[in-house]
């Protein structure tokens, strides 16, 4: 099928989740891709959000708030106060807090003033409680035995740490009475989606368990490598629930900024051969297509090092110049507009 690569499968999974995912208690859904921590990156992330909180989040702008900025805006007082008295001790030098305060002031999301040599701060708006749940989805269109073994280890880490509320595997549906993914050695806590990438539809082959994200988690540092007969000890550490809450919010902020259509940021839409085309039956999904390769390309293929790269002709780039630009800029505007729709009140 067109888009048989994991990248094409991933884009379709994101669009399906954006259109079909229904939070248990209603609410808004925000979808992003290729996000996580320095130890673990997930293919697709679904954020279940409080609708009103998501609208209030727009006050802070489209760019993410990193950990330092979150420490400032979440604890900024409603009345003027010296920043060292208003904010909890960060656990690192105060000079980094001052840098974050200046960055927040530059973004106009925090009020500051100087009284003598003291910097005082006051919040502009309360930071909303907009995030309800985090859903992690691993995309494996072809779950053969070797891929399942590697994926099984990754999913065991996810379940032990419990950073996401639910963990899923999305794999291509086979139409068999028993999906082969059910026969693989995957953690029972992980859900399985049998996904039809052409029709943009999915069926739940196995329901996941809800993980205890508020409780301490276990980070597996090292495990025995000698097979089933290896009885040597594993190395692990406990992660406090409070640390997990902070990490989840930082991931959510990055997802808010990027969304899943940001794949175009690492591709070359200014190439003569780059196009956005409807994805078969999923006509509302625009996927990248390369006229040079005559197929859907991946993000890694469509880069500055691609031997088939050819800049847009000057006549294309001059259309509507200097406002509209060429077709490449039009592709960026279109995907940015569709991303903006998912972030209300921006």
Protein backbone atom coordinates (compact mmCIF):
# COMPACT_ATOMS: atom_id res chain seq x y z
CA UNK A 1 0.00 0.00 0.00
CA UNK A 2 1.10 3.62 -0.44
CA UNK A 3 2.66 4.88 2.73
CA UNK A 4 3.70 1.39 3.88
CA UNK A 5 6.61 2.91 5.78
CA UNK A 6 6.32 3.36 9.52
CA UNK A 7 6.40 7.13 8.95
CA UNK A 8 3.34 7.03 6.68
CA UNK A 9 1.59 4.66 9.06
CA UNK A 10 2.39 7.05 11.90
CA UNK A 11 0.83 10.06 10.17
CA UNK A 12 -2.33 8.08 9.56
CA UNK A 13 -2.46 6.94 13.18
CA UNK A 14 -2.17 10.56 14.30
CA UNK A 15 -5.00 11.70 12.05
CA UNK A 16 -7.20 8.80 13.17
CA UNK A 17 -6.57 9.65 16.84
CA UNK A 18 -7.30 13.32 16.22
CA UNK A 19 -10.61 12.45 14.57
CA UNK A 20 -11.81 9.38 16.47
CA UNK A 21 -10.30 9.34 19.96
CA UNK A 22 -13.01 9.85 22.57
CA UNK A 23 -11.91 10.66 26.14
CA UNK A 24 -13.92 8.74 28.79
CA UNK A 25 -15.41 11.94 30.25
CA UNK A 26 -15.49 13.97 27.06
CA UNK A 27 -13.18 16.89 26.47
CA UNK A 28 -10.64 17.96 23.89
CA UNK A 29 -7.92 15.90 22.25
CA UNK A 30 -4.47 17.07 21.20
CA UNK A 31 -2.19 14.77 19.18
CA UNK A 32 1.59 14.95 18.68
CA UNK A 33 4.31 12.62 17.46
CA UNK A 34 7.89 11.66 18.32
CA UNK A 35 7.94 13.05 21.84
CA UNK A 36 9.00 11.78 25.25
CA UNK A 37 12.02 11.95 27.53
CA UNK A 38 15.76 11.60 26.89
CA UNK A 39 15.42 7.88 27.73
CA UNK A 40 12.23 7.11 25.83
CA UNK A 41 10.45 8.56 22.82
CA UNK A 42 6.92 7.61 21.78
CA UNK A 43 5.65 7.52 18.21
CA UNK A 44 2.25 9.09 18.92
CA UNK A 45 0.99 10.94 21.98
CA UNK A 46 -2.68 11.68 22.61
CA UNK A 47 -3.42 14.32 25.25
CA UNK A 48 -6.88 14.26 26.77
CA UNK A 49 -7.51 17.85 27.84
CA UNK A 50 -10.00 19.88 29.79
CA UNK A 51 -11.64 22.07 27.09
CA UNK A 52 -11.82 25.25 29.15
CA UNK A 53 -8.30 24.72 30.48
CA UNK A 54 -7.03 24.24 26.93
CA UNK A 55 -8.56 27.59 25.92
CA UNK A 56 -6.97 29.27 28.92
CA UNK A 57 -3.61 27.75 28.00
CA UNK A 58 -3.74 29.78 24.76
CA UNK A 59 -3.11 32.94 26.81
CA UNK A 60 0.50 31.82 27.20
CA UNK A 61 1.03 31.66 23.42
CA UNK A 62 1.70 28.84 20.95
CA UNK A 63 5.26 28.15 22.11
CA UNK A 64 5.93 25.60 24.83
CA UNK A 65 6.78 26.44 28.39
CA UNK A 66 9.88 24.52 29.41
CA UNK A 67 10.48 23.25 32.94
CA UNK A 68 12.03 26.52 34.16
CA UNK A 69 9.20 28.63 32.78
CA UNK A 70 6.61 26.27 34.25
CA UNK A 71 8.19 26.63 37.69
CA UNK A 72 7.77 30.40 37.41
CA UNK A 73 4.30 30.82 35.88
CA UNK A 74 2.69 28.04 37.94
CA UNK A 75 3.83 29.52 41.25
CA UNK A 76 3.81 33.23 40.44
CA UNK A 77 1.74 35.12 43.07
CA UNK A 78 -1.37 37.14 42.39
CA UNK A 79 0.17 40.19 44.14
CA UNK A 80 3.63 41.70 43.85
CA UNK A 81 6.24 39.73 45.79
CA UNK A 82 10.00 39.20 45.85
CA UNK A 83 10.62 36.22 43.57
CA UNK A 84 12.67 34.26 46.14
CA UNK A 85 9.86 34.53 48.65
CA UNK A 86 7.10 33.81 46.15
CA UNK A 87 8.58 30.76 44.41
CA UNK A 88 9.51 27.42 45.98
CA UNK A 89 13.20 26.61 46.06
CA UNK A 90 13.96 25.21 42.61
CA UNK A 91 16.67 22.78 43.68
CA UNK A 92 19.18 24.56 41.46
CA UNK A 93 20.86 28.03 41.58
CA UNK A 94 18.53 31.04 41.70
CA UNK A 95 20.31 32.68 38.76
CA UNK A 96 18.55 30.23 36.45
CA UNK A 97 15.23 31.27 37.98
CA UNK A 98 16.06 34.92 37.24
CA UNK A 99 16.80 33.96 33.62
CA UNK A 100 13.43 32.22 33.40
CA UNK A 101 11.71 35.27 34.91
CA UNK A 102 13.26 37.52 32.25
CA UNK A 103 12.24 35.10 29.49
CA UNK A 104 8.69 34.99 30.82
CA UNK A 105 8.58 38.79 30.96
CA UNK A 106 9.87 39.00 27.36
CA UNK A 107 7.03 36.71 26.31
CA UNK A 108 4.59 38.93 28.22
CA UNK A 109 3.26 36.06 30.34
CA UNK A 110 4.60 37.46 33.63
CA UNK A 111 4.77 40.93 35.16
CA UNK A 112 8.03 42.09 36.75
CA UNK A 113 9.34 45.19 38.48
CA UNK A 114 12.43 46.19 40.48
CA UNK A 115 12.29 47.53 44.02
CA UNK A 116 15.83 48.51 44.84
CA UNK A 117 17.94 45.47 43.95
CA UNK A 118 15.03 43.04 44.33
CA UNK A 119 13.06 41.63 41.43
CA UNK A 120 9.35 41.35 42.19
CA UNK A 121 6.93 39.31 40.13
CA UNK A 122 3.18 39.04 39.67
CA UNK A 123 1.26 36.62 37.51
CA UNK A 124 -0.85 37.82 34.60
CA UNK A 125 -3.10 34.76 34.62
CA UNK A 126 -3.21 31.52 36.62
CA UNK A 127 -1.65 28.62 34.75
CA UNK A 128 -4.62 26.31 33.97
CA UNK A 129 -5.01 22.65 34.89
CA UNK A 130 -5.57 21.71 31.26
CA UNK A 131 -4.05 18.20 31.05
CA UNK A 132 -6.16 15.22 32.08
CA UNK A 133 -4.47 12.12 30.67
CA UNK A 134 -1.51 11.13 28.49
CA UNK A 135 -1.89 8.24 26.04
CA UNK A 136 1.23 6.74 24.42
CA UNK A 137 0.93 4.79 21.16
CA UNK A 138 3.73 2.79 19.55
CA UNK A 139 3.27 2.31 15.80
CA UNK A 140 4.40 -1.03 14.36
CA UNK A 141 2.66 -1.72 11.05
CA UNK A 142 4.51 -5.03 10.64
CA UNK A 143 4.88 -6.68 14.04
CA UNK A 144 7.16 -9.55 13.11
CA UNK A 145 8.86 -11.59 15.84
CA UNK A 146 12.13 -9.61 15.95
CA UNK A 147 10.30 -6.26 16.12
CA UNK A 148 8.00 -7.63 18.82
CA UNK A 149 10.96 -8.67 21.01
CA UNK A 150 12.50 -5.19 20.91
CA UNK A 151 9.12 -3.53 21.37
CA UNK A 152 8.30 -5.80 24.31
CA UNK A 153 11.33 -4.52 26.26
CA UNK A 154 10.38 -0.91 25.53
CA UNK A 155 6.80 -1.46 26.64
CA UNK A 156 7.93 -3.12 29.87
CA UNK A 157 9.84 0.08 30.66
CA UNK A 158 6.72 2.13 29.91
CA UNK A 159 4.53 0.01 32.17
CA UNK A 160 7.04 -0.02 35.03
CA UNK A 161 7.57 3.74 34.95
CA UNK A 162 3.86 4.53 34.36
CA UNK A 163 4.52 7.96 32.93
CA UNK A 164 1.55 7.64 30.55
CA UNK A 165 -1.97 6.77 31.71
CA UNK A 166 -2.31 4.19 28.95
CA UNK A 167 0.11 2.51 26.56
CA UNK A 168 -1.00 1.12 23.19
CA UNK A 169 0.49 -0.62 20.17
CA UNK A 170 -1.00 0.19 16.76
CA UNK A 171 -0.36 -2.46 14.13
CA UNK A 172 -1.78 -3.11 10.69
CA UNK A 173 -4.95 -5.16 10.76
CA UNK A 174 -4.75 -8.58 9.11
CA UNK A 175 -8.45 -9.47 9.02
CA UNK A 176 -7.73 -12.78 10.77
CA UNK A 177 -10.04 -14.04 13.52
CA UNK A 178 -7.18 -13.57 15.99
CA UNK A 179 -4.83 -10.69 15.30
CA UNK A 180 -1.20 -11.94 15.33
CA UNK A 181 -0.23 -9.14 17.71
CA UNK A 182 -2.27 -10.89 20.41
CA UNK A 183 0.09 -13.86 20.19
CA UNK A 184 3.25 -11.83 20.75
CA UNK A 185 4.98 -11.59 24.12
CA UNK A 186 3.85 -8.08 25.04
CA UNK A 187 2.94 -6.82 28.53
CA UNK A 188 -0.72 -7.52 29.32
CA UNK A 189 -1.13 -3.91 30.50
CA UNK A 190 -0.62 -2.67 26.92
CA UNK A 191 -3.58 -2.19 24.59
CA UNK A 192 -3.53 -3.30 20.94
CA UNK A 193 -5.14 -1.40 18.04
CA UNK A 194 -5.72 -3.25 14.77
CA UNK A 195 -5.42 -0.33 12.37
CA UNK A 196 -6.53 -0.02 8.75
CA UNK A 197 -4.29 2.74 7.45
CA UNK A 198 -6.11 3.04 4.10
CA UNK A 199 -9.59 3.48 5.55
CA UNK A 200 -8.33 5.34 8.62
CA UNK A 201 -10.23 3.04 10.96
CA UNK A 202 -9.23 0.89 13.92
CA UNK A 203 -10.58 -1.82 16.19
CA UNK A 204 -9.48 -2.54 19.73
CA UNK A 205 -7.98 -6.02 19.79
CA UNK A 206 -6.92 -5.75 23.44
CA UNK A 207 -7.90 -3.16 26.03
CA UNK A 208 -5.10 -1.58 28.11
CA UNK A 209 -4.94 -1.21 31.85
CA UNK A 210 -4.87 2.27 33.34
CA UNK A 211 -1.47 2.87 34.92
CA UNK A 212 -0.86 4.56 38.28
CA UNK A 213 0.68 7.80 37.09
CA UNK A 214 0.34 9.53 40.50
CA UNK A 215 2.26 6.76 42.31
CA UNK A 216 6.04 6.27 42.27
CA UNK A 217 7.27 4.48 39.17
CA UNK A 218 10.18 2.16 38.48
CA UNK A 219 12.82 3.16 35.93
CA UNK A 220 14.64 0.07 34.66
CA UNK A 221 18.28 1.07 34.19
CA UNK A 222 19.76 -2.28 33.23
CA UNK A 223 18.39 -5.78 32.93
CA UNK A 224 19.90 -9.27 32.51
CA UNK A 225 20.99 -9.93 28.94
CA UNK A 226 21.71 -13.64 29.08
CA UNK A 227 18.25 -14.81 28.07
CA UNK A 228 15.65 -16.63 30.14
CA UNK A 229 18.30 -18.55 32.06
CA UNK A 230 20.11 -15.41 33.21
CA UNK A 231 19.28 -14.89 36.90
CA UNK A 232 21.56 -11.88 37.44
CA UNK A 233 20.02 -8.82 39.09
CA UNK A 234 18.53 -5.89 37.24
CA UNK A 235 19.34 -2.27 38.08
CA UNK A 236 16.46 0.13 38.62
CA UNK A 237 15.49 3.27 40.48
CA UNK A 238 12.23 4.63 41.85
CA UNK A 239 10.80 7.82 40.37
CA UNK A 240 8.62 9.90 42.72
CA UNK A 241 5.08 10.65 41.62
CA UNK A 242 5.74 14.41 41.87
CA UNK A 243 8.61 14.11 39.39
CA UNK A 244 6.36 12.20 36.99
CA UNK A 245 3.72 14.92 37.20
CA UNK A 246 6.31 17.54 36.21
CA UNK A 247 7.64 15.40 33.35
CA UNK A 248 4.14 14.75 32.00
CA UNK A 249 3.39 18.47 31.94
CA UNK A 250 6.65 19.25 30.15
CA UNK A 251 5.83 16.62 27.52
CA UNK A 252 2.32 18.07 27.18
CA UNK A 253 3.75 21.55 26.64
CA UNK A 254 6.00 20.27 23.86
CA UNK A 255 3.04 18.49 22.30
CA UNK A 256 1.01 21.71 22.49
CA UNK A 257 3.72 23.55 20.58
CA UNK A 258 4.47 20.95 17.92
CA UNK A 259 1.40 18.86 17.20
CA UNK A 260 1.90 16.08 14.67
CA UNK A 261 1.89 18.13 11.47
CA UNK A 262 5.26 19.63 12.40
CA UNK A 263 6.88 16.86 10.31
CA UNK A 264 7.16 19.46 7.57
CA UNK A 265 9.70 21.36 9.70
CA UNK A 266 12.25 18.60 9.04
CA UNK A 267 11.37 18.17 5.34
CA UNK A 268 11.96 20.30 2.24
CA UNK A 269 8.64 21.70 0.99
CA UNK A 270 10.68 24.20 -1.06
CA UNK A 271 11.74 21.30 -3.33
CA UNK A 272 10.23 21.16 -6.80
CA UNK A 273 9.13 17.56 -6.21
CA UNK A 274 7.41 18.09 -2.85
CA UNK A 275 3.61 17.88 -2.78
CA UNK A 276 0.83 17.33 -0.27
CA UNK A 277 -1.69 14.79 -1.49
CA UNK A 278 -4.85 13.25 -0.03
CA UNK A 279 -4.19 9.82 1.48
CA UNK A 280 -6.55 7.56 -0.44
CA UNK A 281 -9.88 7.12 1.30
CA UNK A 282 -8.64 9.44 4.05
CA UNK A 283 -9.08 12.49 1.83
CA UNK A 284 -8.85 14.89 4.78
CA UNK A 285 -5.31 13.67 5.54
CA UNK A 286 -2.64 15.42 3.48
CA UNK A 287 0.52 13.34 3.33
CA UNK A 288 3.85 14.29 1.72
CA UNK A 289 4.46 12.96 -1.77
CA UNK A 290 7.64 13.12 -3.85
CA UNK A 291 7.19 13.45 -7.62
CA UNK A 292 10.88 12.57 -8.08
CA UNK A 293 10.52 9.23 -6.28
CA UNK A 294 6.89 8.88 -7.42
CA UNK A 295 5.78 7.78 -3.97
CA UNK A 296 5.22 8.94 -0.43
CA UNK A 297 8.58 9.77 1.13
CA UNK A 298 9.73 9.66 4.72
CA UNK A 299 10.97 12.58 6.80
CA UNK A 300 14.52 11.21 6.75
CA UNK A 301 14.51 10.88 2.95
CA UNK A 302 13.15 14.38 2.37
CA UNK A 303 16.07 16.40 3.68
CA UNK A 304 18.78 18.72 2.46
CA UNK A 305 20.98 15.71 1.67
CA UNK A 306 18.48 14.16 -0.76
CA UNK A 307 20.27 13.75 -4.13
CA UNK A 308 17.00 14.50 -5.95
CA UNK A 309 16.48 17.87 -4.27
CA UNK A 310 15.73 20.63 -6.75
CA UNK A 311 14.73 24.12 -5.58
CA UNK A 312 11.44 25.57 -6.70
CA UNK A 313 11.81 27.62 -9.88
CA UNK A 314 11.95 31.39 -9.31
CA UNK A 315 8.66 31.77 -11.19
CA UNK A 316 6.97 29.51 -8.59
CA UNK A 317 8.49 31.36 -5.65
CA UNK A 318 7.44 34.70 -7.10
CA UNK A 319 3.71 33.92 -7.07
CA UNK A 320 2.12 36.53 -4.88
CA UNK A 321 5.57 37.65 -3.68
CA UNK A 322 6.40 38.82 -1.08
CA UNK A 323 3.23 37.83 0.77
CA UNK A 324 2.31 34.30 -0.31
CA UNK A 325 5.57 32.94 -1.73
CA UNK A 326 5.76 29.64 -3.60
CA UNK A 327 3.96 26.28 -3.18
CA UNK A 328 6.34 25.23 -0.39
CA UNK A 329 5.30 28.15 1.77
CA UNK A 330 1.69 27.38 0.92
CA UNK A 331 2.13 23.82 2.25
CA UNK A 332 3.55 25.20 5.49
CA UNK A 333 0.68 27.66 5.90
CA UNK A 334 -1.91 24.97 5.28
CA UNK A 335 -0.47 22.55 7.85
CA UNK A 336 0.05 25.35 10.36
CA UNK A 337 -3.58 26.42 9.98
CA UNK A 338 -4.76 22.85 10.56
CA UNK A 339 -2.53 22.59 13.62
CA UNK A 340 -3.88 25.88 14.97
CA UNK A 341 -7.44 24.56 14.84
CA UNK A 342 -6.55 22.00 17.48
CA UNK A 343 -5.40 24.76 19.85
CA UNK A 344 -8.50 26.91 20.40
CA UNK A 345 -8.30 30.66 21.00
CA UNK A 346 -4.83 31.05 19.48
